[in-house]
């Protein structure tokens, strides 16, 4: 998989990176964005549930999964926030602030994805 660009664009979804990952295939782009959006919601829900259970043992892996998926579609703010949560959990820090930042980044990315999908 190619590395992210040195200077990703300023939006919630780096369209240049996404185009490279999907080879410019509009149908594939729509498909991976829809899958990422659904996956992100599911993982955020599982992470939120983990917070109420004093962080389940798989919470770092859930954050890591979201980080990888976000990087694949060019949602670099989500990836960075997921990495921050993963690190906080592994260090034993209070993850509430990191989770809040991740949720905000996911909402921003999903809003952009919804706009992209409506245009297609």
Protein backbone atom coordinates (compact mmCIF):
# COMPACT_ATOMS: atom_id res chain seq x y z
CA UNK A 1 0.00 0.00 0.00
CA UNK A 2 1.42 3.42 -0.86
CA UNK A 3 2.37 5.72 1.97
CA UNK A 4 0.23 8.76 2.68
CA UNK A 5 1.31 11.90 0.88
CA UNK A 6 3.84 14.15 2.58
CA UNK A 7 1.32 16.95 2.72
CA UNK A 8 -2.27 15.64 2.71
CA UNK A 9 -4.94 18.07 1.62
CA UNK A 10 -6.79 20.02 4.29
CA UNK A 11 -10.10 18.20 4.08
CA UNK A 12 -11.35 15.35 6.25
CA UNK A 13 -10.79 12.96 3.32
CA UNK A 14 -7.64 13.34 1.22
CA UNK A 15 -9.15 12.86 -2.22
CA UNK A 16 -5.79 12.51 -3.94
CA UNK A 17 -4.80 9.67 -1.64
CA UNK A 18 -8.22 8.05 -2.01
CA UNK A 19 -7.98 8.28 -5.81
CA UNK A 20 -4.58 6.57 -5.71
CA UNK A 21 -5.91 3.82 -3.46
CA UNK A 22 -8.96 3.17 -5.65
CA UNK A 23 -7.12 3.77 -8.94
CA UNK A 24 -9.62 6.51 -9.71
CA UNK A 25 -12.50 4.01 -9.93
CA UNK A 26 -15.59 5.98 -8.88
CA UNK A 27 -17.59 2.87 -7.99
CA UNK A 28 -14.80 1.50 -5.82
CA UNK A 29 -14.38 4.91 -4.19
CA UNK A 30 -18.07 4.98 -3.24
CA UNK A 31 -17.88 1.41 -1.96
CA UNK A 32 -14.83 1.91 0.26
CA UNK A 33 -16.13 5.21 1.63
CA UNK A 34 -19.48 3.65 2.53
CA UNK A 35 -17.72 0.68 4.17
CA UNK A 36 -15.37 2.94 6.10
CA UNK A 37 -18.23 5.13 7.30
CA UNK A 38 -20.18 2.12 8.60
CA UNK A 39 -17.10 0.54 10.14
CA UNK A 40 -16.14 3.77 11.89
CA UNK A 41 -19.57 4.07 13.49
CA UNK A 42 -19.43 0.47 14.66
CA UNK A 43 -15.93 0.77 16.08
CA UNK A 44 -16.73 4.04 17.85
CA UNK A 45 -19.75 2.34 19.42
CA UNK A 46 -17.64 -0.59 20.60
CA UNK A 47 -14.98 1.77 21.96
CA UNK A 48 -17.65 3.83 23.74
CA UNK A 49 -19.04 0.64 25.29
CA UNK A 50 -15.50 -0.25 26.35
CA UNK A 51 -15.19 3.04 28.19
CA UNK A 52 -18.14 2.18 30.39
CA UNK A 53 -16.52 -1.19 31.13
CA UNK A 54 -13.16 0.26 32.23
CA UNK A 55 -11.79 -0.42 28.75
CA UNK A 56 -12.14 -3.88 27.45
CA UNK A 57 -8.97 -5.76 26.65
CA UNK A 58 -9.49 -5.34 22.90
CA UNK A 59 -9.93 -1.55 22.93
CA UNK A 60 -6.37 -0.86 21.69
CA UNK A 61 -6.93 -3.26 18.80
CA UNK A 62 -10.23 -1.58 17.91
CA UNK A 63 -8.50 1.82 17.82
CA UNK A 64 -5.68 0.31 15.76
CA UNK A 65 -8.16 -1.15 13.27
CA UNK A 66 -9.86 2.21 12.86
CA UNK A 67 -6.47 3.89 12.41
CA UNK A 68 -5.56 1.54 9.55
CA UNK A 69 -8.90 1.84 7.82
CA UNK A 70 -8.80 5.62 8.09
CA UNK A 71 -5.35 5.78 6.55
CA UNK A 72 -6.47 3.59 3.68
CA UNK A 73 -9.23 6.02 2.66
CA UNK A 74 -7.26 9.19 3.38
CA UNK A 75 -9.07 10.13 6.59
CA UNK A 76 -5.81 11.16 8.22
CA UNK A 77 -7.37 13.18 11.05
CA UNK A 78 -9.34 10.09 12.08
CA UNK A 79 -6.17 8.00 11.84
CA UNK A 80 -4.23 10.42 14.03
CA UNK A 81 -7.04 10.59 16.59
CA UNK A 82 -7.35 6.79 16.65
CA UNK A 83 -3.62 6.52 17.20
CA UNK A 84 -3.88 8.99 20.08
CA UNK A 85 -6.59 6.87 21.66
CA UNK A 86 -4.60 3.69 21.13
CA UNK A 87 -1.57 5.23 22.84
CA UNK A 88 -3.64 6.59 25.73
CA UNK A 89 -5.19 3.20 26.39
CA UNK A 90 -1.87 1.35 26.21
CA UNK A 91 -0.25 3.87 28.58
CA UNK A 92 -3.11 3.58 31.04
CA UNK A 93 -4.07 7.24 30.67
CA UNK A 94 -7.67 8.41 30.93
CA UNK A 95 -8.95 7.81 27.39
CA UNK A 96 -12.03 10.04 27.60
CA UNK A 97 -10.46 13.08 25.94
CA UNK A 98 -8.84 11.00 23.20
CA UNK A 99 -12.13 9.21 22.53
CA UNK A 100 -13.96 12.55 22.30
CA UNK A 101 -11.41 13.78 19.76
CA UNK A 102 -11.76 10.59 17.77
CA UNK A 103 -15.54 10.85 17.74
CA UNK A 104 -15.28 14.44 16.49
CA UNK A 105 -12.88 13.43 13.71
CA UNK A 106 -15.18 10.57 12.67
CA UNK A 107 -18.20 12.90 12.51
CA UNK A 108 -16.22 15.31 10.34
CA UNK A 109 -15.05 12.51 8.03
CA UNK A 110 -18.54 11.01 7.76
CA UNK A 111 -19.99 14.41 6.88
CA UNK A 112 -17.45 14.71 4.07
CA UNK A 113 -18.14 11.14 2.96
CA UNK A 114 -21.88 11.78 2.86
CA UNK A 115 -21.26 14.82 0.64
CA UNK A 116 -19.03 12.78 -1.67
CA UNK A 117 -21.57 9.98 -1.92
CA UNK A 118 -24.40 12.43 -2.69
CA UNK A 119 -22.37 13.93 -5.55
CA UNK A 120 -21.67 10.54 -7.10
